[in-house]
Amino acid sequence: MTTTYRRERHSVTELKIHLVCITKYRRSVFTGESLDLIEKSFREVAEKMNFQVLEFNGEGDHVKAVITPHFREGLTVLDGSGQFLNSSVILIRENSKRVILIYESSHEKNQAIHKDIVTYKRTFLQ
């Protein structure tokens, strides 16, 4: 597999995702024809969702793909949970969220994000 760097305006990356789908109990269910159809469908989705398929193959009991994703500006929210001791030394458990922002840095966007952070901290007494 050759090294392919994705060159963007402010970054150079080489992120590869190895996706392996295995049939239940490793039963041989894929034929050459079905693997061709899966590959065709996979490549159509890749084109629509803007990622590259570097490798695609499989056998009767599995399908393997190696892809390179392309991240657009966006927001990802992950669920989490945390705990802390309050002033009365009582264990408090609470759900939490982690926010991940992907964006091209600019003065205007940085100011807008900073304003949102300040508003959040003020609202929730953080």
N, C-alpha and C. Protein backbone atom coordinates (compact mmCIF):
# COMPACT_ATOMS: atom_id res chain seq x y z
N MET A 1 0.85 -1.17 0.00
CA MET A 1 0.00 0.00 0.00
C MET A 1 0.90 1.24 0.00
N THR A 2 0.66 2.13 -0.92
CA THR A 2 1.50 3.32 -1.01
C THR A 2 1.05 4.36 0.00
N THR A 3 1.97 5.22 0.38
CA THR A 3 1.65 6.30 1.31
C THR A 3 1.03 7.45 0.53
N THR A 4 -0.19 7.81 0.91
CA THR A 4 -0.90 8.90 0.25
C THR A 4 -1.25 9.94 1.30
N TYR A 5 -0.67 11.10 1.17
CA TYR A 5 -0.97 12.18 2.12
C TYR A 5 -2.11 13.02 1.57
N ARG A 6 -3.04 13.36 2.44
CA ARG A 6 -4.12 14.27 2.08
C ARG A 6 -3.65 15.67 2.43
N ARG A 7 -3.53 16.50 1.42
CA ARG A 7 -3.03 17.87 1.61
C ARG A 7 -4.19 18.84 1.56
N GLU A 8 -4.41 19.51 2.68
CA GLU A 8 -5.44 20.53 2.79
C GLU A 8 -4.76 21.88 2.94
N ARG A 9 -5.54 22.90 3.12
CA ARG A 9 -4.99 24.25 3.21
C ARG A 9 -4.02 24.43 4.38
N HIS A 10 -4.37 23.84 5.54
CA HIS A 10 -3.55 24.03 6.73
C HIS A 10 -3.09 22.72 7.35
N SER A 11 -3.17 21.63 6.62
CA SER A 11 -2.76 20.37 7.23
C SER A 11 -2.34 19.36 6.18
N VAL A 12 -1.55 18.40 6.64
CA VAL A 12 -1.18 17.25 5.84
C VAL A 12 -1.41 16.05 6.73
N THR A 13 -2.24 15.10 6.28
CA THR A 13 -2.58 13.96 7.12
C THR A 13 -2.44 12.66 6.35
N GLU A 14 -2.30 11.59 7.11
CA GLU A 14 -2.33 10.24 6.56
C GLU A 14 -3.09 9.38 7.56
N LEU A 15 -4.40 9.41 7.45
CA LEU A 15 -5.25 8.63 8.33
C LEU A 15 -5.89 7.52 7.51
N LYS A 16 -5.69 6.30 7.94
CA LYS A 16 -6.27 5.15 7.24
C LYS A 16 -7.12 4.36 8.22
N ILE A 17 -8.28 3.97 7.78
CA ILE A 17 -9.18 3.17 8.61
C ILE A 17 -9.30 1.80 7.95
N HIS A 18 -8.99 0.76 8.72
CA HIS A 18 -9.13 -0.61 8.24
C HIS A 18 -10.48 -1.13 8.73
N LEU A 19 -11.38 -1.37 7.82
CA LEU A 19 -12.73 -1.81 8.16
C LEU A 19 -12.87 -3.27 7.75
N VAL A 20 -13.14 -4.14 8.72
CA VAL A 20 -13.29 -5.56 8.44
C VAL A 20 -14.66 -6.00 8.94
N CYS A 21 -15.45 -6.56 8.04
CA CYS A 21 -16.78 -7.07 8.39
C CYS A 21 -16.75 -8.59 8.25
N ILE A 22 -17.05 -9.28 9.34
CA ILE A 22 -16.98 -10.74 9.38
C ILE A 22 -18.38 -11.30 9.54
N THR A 23 -18.65 -12.39 8.84
CA THR A 23 -19.97 -13.01 8.94
C THR A 23 -20.10 -13.75 10.26
N LYS A 24 -21.33 -13.96 10.68
CA LYS A 24 -21.59 -14.66 11.93
C LYS A 24 -21.04 -16.08 11.84
N TYR A 25 -20.34 -16.48 12.87
CA TYR A 25 -19.70 -17.80 12.97
C TYR A 25 -18.72 -18.05 11.82
N ARG A 26 -18.26 -16.97 11.17
CA ARG A 26 -17.30 -17.06 10.05
C ARG A 26 -17.81 -17.99 8.94
N ARG A 27 -19.12 -18.00 8.74
CA ARG A 27 -19.70 -18.81 7.68
C ARG A 27 -19.39 -18.19 6.33
N SER A 28 -19.13 -19.01 5.35
CA SER A 28 -18.80 -18.55 4.00
C SER A 28 -20.10 -18.25 3.25
N VAL A 29 -20.42 -16.95 3.11
CA VAL A 29 -21.68 -16.56 2.46
C VAL A 29 -21.45 -15.66 1.24
N PHE A 30 -20.27 -15.03 1.14
CA PHE A 30 -20.01 -14.12 0.03
C PHE A 30 -19.48 -14.89 -1.18
N THR A 31 -20.04 -14.58 -2.34
CA THR A 31 -19.53 -15.13 -3.59
C THR A 31 -18.76 -14.03 -4.31
N GLY A 32 -18.08 -14.38 -5.38
CA GLY A 32 -17.37 -13.37 -6.16
C GLY A 32 -18.30 -12.29 -6.65
N GLU A 33 -19.49 -12.68 -7.07
CA GLU A 33 -20.49 -11.73 -7.58
C GLU A 33 -20.97 -10.79 -6.46
N SER A 34 -21.22 -11.34 -5.28
CA SER A 34 -21.70 -10.49 -4.18
C SER A 34 -20.59 -9.55 -3.70
N LEU A 35 -19.33 -10.01 -3.71
CA LEU A 35 -18.22 -9.14 -3.33
C LEU A 35 -18.08 -7.99 -4.32
N ASP A 36 -18.26 -8.27 -5.62
CA ASP A 36 -18.20 -7.20 -6.63
C ASP A 36 -19.31 -6.18 -6.41
N LEU A 37 -20.51 -6.64 -6.09
CA LEU A 37 -21.64 -5.74 -5.84
C LEU A 37 -21.39 -4.88 -4.58
N ILE A 38 -20.85 -5.50 -3.53
CA ILE A 38 -20.55 -4.76 -2.30
C ILE A 38 -19.48 -3.71 -2.58
N GLU A 39 -18.45 -4.08 -3.34
CA GLU A 39 -17.39 -3.12 -3.66
C GLU A 39 -17.94 -1.95 -4.48
N LYS A 40 -18.78 -2.25 -5.46
CA LYS A 40 -19.37 -1.18 -6.28
C LYS A 40 -20.19 -0.23 -5.40
N SER A 41 -21.02 -0.78 -4.52
CA SER A 41 -21.84 0.04 -3.63
C SER A 41 -20.96 0.85 -2.69
N PHE A 42 -19.92 0.24 -2.17
CA PHE A 42 -19.00 0.91 -1.25
C PHE A 42 -18.33 2.10 -1.93
N ARG A 43 -17.89 1.92 -3.17
CA ARG A 43 -17.22 3.00 -3.90
C ARG A 43 -18.20 4.13 -4.25
N GLU A 44 -19.46 3.80 -4.52
CA GLU A 44 -20.47 4.84 -4.78
C GLU A 44 -20.70 5.68 -3.52
N VAL A 45 -20.80 5.04 -2.37
CA VAL A 45 -20.97 5.76 -1.12
C VAL A 45 -19.73 6.61 -0.83
N ALA A 46 -18.55 6.07 -1.10
CA ALA A 46 -17.30 6.80 -0.87
C ALA A 46 -17.28 8.09 -1.68
N GLU A 47 -17.72 8.02 -2.91
CA GLU A 47 -17.74 9.21 -3.76
C GLU A 47 -18.71 10.26 -3.22
N LYS A 48 -19.88 9.80 -2.77
CA LYS A 48 -20.88 10.74 -2.24
C LYS A 48 -20.45 11.35 -0.91
N MET A 49 -19.73 10.58 -0.08
CA MET A 49 -19.36 11.05 1.25
C MET A 49 -17.93 11.58 1.32
N ASN A 50 -17.28 11.66 0.18
CA ASN A 50 -15.95 12.28 0.06
C ASN A 50 -14.88 11.56 0.87
N PHE A 51 -14.79 10.23 0.72
CA PHE A 51 -13.63 9.51 1.25
C PHE A 51 -13.09 8.60 0.15
N GLN A 52 -11.85 8.18 0.30
CA GLN A 52 -11.21 7.36 -0.71
C GLN A 52 -11.13 5.92 -0.26
N VAL A 53 -11.36 5.00 -1.19
CA VAL A 53 -11.19 3.58 -0.92
C VAL A 53 -9.82 3.20 -1.47
N LEU A 54 -8.88 2.90 -0.59
CA LEU A 54 -7.53 2.54 -1.01
C LEU A 54 -7.42 1.07 -1.35
N GLU A 55 -8.20 0.26 -0.65
CA GLU A 55 -8.13 -1.18 -0.85
C GLU A 55 -9.48 -1.78 -0.53
N PHE A 56 -9.90 -2.75 -1.32
CA PHE A 56 -11.15 -3.45 -1.04
C PHE A 56 -10.98 -4.89 -1.49
N ASN A 57 -11.20 -5.83 -0.58
CA ASN A 57 -11.15 -7.24 -0.96
C ASN A 57 -11.94 -8.04 0.06
N GLY A 58 -12.05 -9.31 -0.20
CA GLY A 58 -12.78 -10.15 0.73
C GLY A 58 -12.73 -11.59 0.31
N GLU A 59 -13.27 -12.43 1.15
CA GLU A 59 -13.40 -13.85 0.87
C GLU A 59 -14.81 -14.25 1.26
N GLY A 60 -15.08 -15.52 1.30
CA GLY A 60 -16.42 -15.98 1.58
C GLY A 60 -16.95 -15.59 2.95
N ASP A 61 -16.04 -15.37 3.92
CA ASP A 61 -16.48 -15.11 5.29
C ASP A 61 -16.17 -13.70 5.79
N HIS A 62 -15.60 -12.82 4.94
CA HIS A 62 -15.33 -11.47 5.40
C HIS A 62 -15.12 -10.51 4.22
N VAL A 63 -15.27 -9.22 4.54
CA VAL A 63 -15.01 -8.14 3.60
C VAL A 63 -14.05 -7.18 4.29
N LYS A 64 -13.03 -6.72 3.57
CA LYS A 64 -12.05 -5.80 4.15
C LYS A 64 -11.92 -4.59 3.25
N ALA A 65 -11.92 -3.40 3.87
CA ALA A 65 -11.72 -2.16 3.12
C ALA A 65 -10.75 -1.29 3.90
N VAL A 66 -9.91 -0.56 3.18
CA VAL A 66 -9.03 0.43 3.77
C VAL A 66 -9.44 1.76 3.16
N ILE A 67 -9.83 2.72 4.02
CA ILE A 67 -10.33 4.00 3.53
C ILE A 67 -9.56 5.15 4.18
N THR A 68 -9.59 6.31 3.52
CA THR A 68 -9.06 7.53 4.09
C THR A 68 -10.19 8.54 4.15
N PRO A 69 -10.63 8.91 5.34
CA PRO A 69 -11.74 9.85 5.46
C PRO A 69 -11.29 11.29 5.23
N HIS A 70 -12.24 12.13 4.92
CA HIS A 70 -12.01 13.56 4.77
C HIS A 70 -12.94 14.27 5.74
N PHE A 71 -12.37 15.01 6.68
CA PHE A 71 -13.17 15.69 7.68
C PHE A 71 -13.50 17.09 7.22
N ARG A 72 -14.76 17.40 7.18
CA ARG A 72 -15.20 18.75 6.87
C ARG A 72 -15.38 19.51 8.17
N GLU A 73 -15.59 20.81 8.04
CA GLU A 73 -15.90 21.57 9.25
C GLU A 73 -17.14 20.96 9.86
N GLY A 74 -17.12 20.82 11.15
CA GLY A 74 -18.29 20.23 11.76
C GLY A 74 -18.18 20.13 13.26
N LEU A 75 -19.19 19.54 13.83
CA LEU A 75 -19.33 19.41 15.27
C LEU A 75 -19.63 17.96 15.59
N THR A 76 -18.91 17.41 16.55
CA THR A 76 -19.17 16.07 17.03
C THR A 76 -19.41 16.16 18.53
N VAL A 77 -20.45 15.50 19.01
CA VAL A 77 -20.76 15.50 20.44
C VAL A 77 -20.70 14.05 20.92
N LEU A 78 -19.86 13.80 21.92
CA LEU A 78 -19.72 12.47 22.49
C LEU A 78 -20.31 12.45 23.89
N ASP A 79 -21.04 11.38 24.21
CA ASP A 79 -21.60 11.23 25.56
C ASP A 79 -20.54 10.68 26.50
N GLY A 80 -20.61 11.09 27.73
CA GLY A 80 -19.68 10.61 28.74
C GLY A 80 -20.33 10.62 30.10
N SER A 81 -19.58 10.25 31.11
CA SER A 81 -20.09 10.32 32.48
C SER A 81 -18.91 10.67 33.38
N GLY A 82 -19.22 11.34 34.46
CA GLY A 82 -18.18 11.75 35.38
C GLY A 82 -18.66 11.71 36.81
N GLN A 83 -17.74 11.91 37.71
CA GLN A 83 -18.09 11.93 39.13
C GLN A 83 -17.14 12.86 39.86
N PHE A 84 -17.62 13.41 40.97
CA PHE A 84 -16.80 14.28 41.80
C PHE A 84 -17.36 14.28 43.21
N LEU A 85 -16.52 14.72 44.15
CA LEU A 85 -16.96 14.87 45.54
C LEU A 85 -17.35 16.32 45.75
N ASN A 86 -18.57 16.54 46.24
CA ASN A 86 -18.99 17.93 46.50
C ASN A 86 -18.41 18.39 47.85
N SER A 87 -18.77 19.60 48.27
CA SER A 87 -18.21 20.17 49.49
C SER A 87 -18.59 19.38 50.75
N SER A 88 -19.67 18.58 50.68
CA SER A 88 -20.07 17.74 51.81
C SER A 88 -19.46 16.34 51.72
N VAL A 89 -18.53 16.16 50.82
CA VAL A 89 -17.84 14.89 50.57
C VAL A 89 -18.82 13.79 50.20
N ILE A 90 -19.78 14.15 49.37
CA ILE A 90 -20.73 13.19 48.82
C ILE A 90 -20.37 12.99 47.35
N LEU A 91 -20.32 11.72 46.95
CA LEU A 91 -19.97 11.41 45.57
C LEU A 91 -21.14 11.75 44.65
N ILE A 92 -20.90 12.63 43.69
CA ILE A 92 -21.92 13.05 42.73
C ILE A 92 -21.54 12.47 41.37
N ARG A 93 -22.46 11.76 40.76
CA ARG A 93 -22.25 11.23 39.41
C ARG A 93 -23.17 11.96 38.46
N GLU A 94 -22.62 12.32 37.30
CA GLU A 94 -23.43 13.04 36.34
C GLU A 94 -22.98 12.70 34.92
N ASN A 95 -23.94 12.82 34.02
CA ASN A 95 -23.62 12.63 32.61
C ASN A 95 -22.92 13.88 32.09
N SER A 96 -22.14 13.71 31.06
CA SER A 96 -21.43 14.85 30.48
C SER A 96 -21.40 14.72 28.97
N LYS A 97 -20.96 15.76 28.33
CA LYS A 97 -20.81 15.79 26.88
C LYS A 97 -19.42 16.31 26.56
N ARG A 98 -18.82 15.78 25.54
CA ARG A 98 -17.55 16.31 25.02
C ARG A 98 -17.84 16.80 23.62
N VAL A 99 -17.48 18.04 23.36
CA VAL A 99 -17.74 18.66 22.06
C VAL A 99 -16.42 18.78 21.31
N ILE A 100 -16.40 18.27 20.09
CA ILE A 100 -15.22 18.36 19.24
C ILE A 100 -15.58 19.21 18.03
N LEU A 101 -14.84 20.28 17.82
CA LEU A 101 -15.06 21.17 16.68
C LEU A 101 -13.95 20.98 15.67
N ILE A 102 -14.32 20.84 14.42
CA ILE A 102 -13.35 20.81 13.33
C ILE A 102 -13.69 21.98 12.44
N TYR A 103 -12.75 22.91 12.33
CA TYR A 103 -13.02 24.10 11.52
C TYR A 103 -11.71 24.72 11.07
N GLU A 104 -11.80 25.48 10.01
CA GLU A 104 -10.64 26.22 9.53
C GLU A 104 -10.51 27.46 10.40
N SER A 105 -9.37 27.60 11.02
CA SER A 105 -9.17 28.69 11.96
C SER A 105 -9.14 30.04 11.27
N SER A 106 -9.92 30.95 11.80
CA SER A 106 -9.89 32.34 11.34
C SER A 106 -10.21 33.21 12.56
N HIS A 107 -9.87 34.47 12.48
CA HIS A 107 -10.10 35.38 13.61
C HIS A 107 -11.59 35.44 13.96
N GLU A 108 -12.45 35.53 12.95
CA GLU A 108 -13.89 35.63 13.19
C GLU A 108 -14.44 34.37 13.85
N LYS A 109 -14.04 33.19 13.35
CA LYS A 109 -14.54 31.94 13.92
C LYS A 109 -14.02 31.75 15.34
N ASN A 110 -12.75 32.08 15.57
CA ASN A 110 -12.20 31.96 16.93
C ASN A 110 -12.95 32.85 17.91
N GLN A 111 -13.28 34.08 17.50
CA GLN A 111 -14.04 34.99 18.37
C GLN A 111 -15.43 34.44 18.66
N ALA A 112 -16.09 33.90 17.63
CA ALA A 112 -17.44 33.36 17.82
C ALA A 112 -17.43 32.17 18.78
N ILE A 113 -16.44 31.29 18.63
CA ILE A 113 -16.34 30.13 19.52
C ILE A 113 -16.02 30.58 20.95
N HIS A 114 -15.12 31.54 21.09
CA HIS A 114 -14.78 32.06 22.42
C HIS A 114 -16.03 32.67 23.08
N LYS A 115 -16.82 33.40 22.32
CA LYS A 115 -18.05 34.00 22.84
C LYS A 115 -19.01 32.91 23.34
N ASP A 116 -19.15 31.81 22.58
CA ASP A 116 -20.02 30.71 22.99
C ASP A 116 -19.51 30.05 24.27
N ILE A 117 -18.20 29.89 24.39
CA ILE A 117 -17.62 29.28 25.59
C ILE A 117 -17.89 30.15 26.82
N VAL A 118 -17.70 31.46 26.69
CA VAL A 118 -17.94 32.38 27.80
C VAL A 118 -19.42 32.34 28.21
N THR A 119 -20.32 32.34 27.23
CA THR A 119 -21.75 32.28 27.52
C THR A 119 -22.11 30.99 28.24
N TYR A 120 -21.55 29.86 27.79
CA TYR A 120 -21.82 28.58 28.43
C TYR A 120 -21.34 28.59 29.88
N LYS A 121 -20.12 29.04 30.11
CA LYS A 121 -19.57 29.08 31.47
C LYS A 121 -20.40 29.96 32.39
N ARG A 122 -20.85 31.10 31.87
CA ARG A 122 -21.67 32.00 32.69
C ARG A 122 -23.02 31.37 32.99
N THR A 123 -23.63 30.74 31.98
CA THR A 123 -24.96 30.15 32.15
C THR A 123 -24.94 29.00 33.14
N PHE A 124 -23.92 28.15 33.05
CA PHE A 124 -23.88 26.94 33.87
C PHE A 124 -22.91 27.04 35.05
N LEU A 125 -22.47 28.25 35.37
CA LEU A 125 -21.61 28.50 36.52
C LEU A 125 -20.38 27.59 36.54
N GLN A 126 -19.72 27.55 35.44
CA GLN A 126 -18.54 26.68 35.29
C GLN A 126 -17.28 27.45 35.56
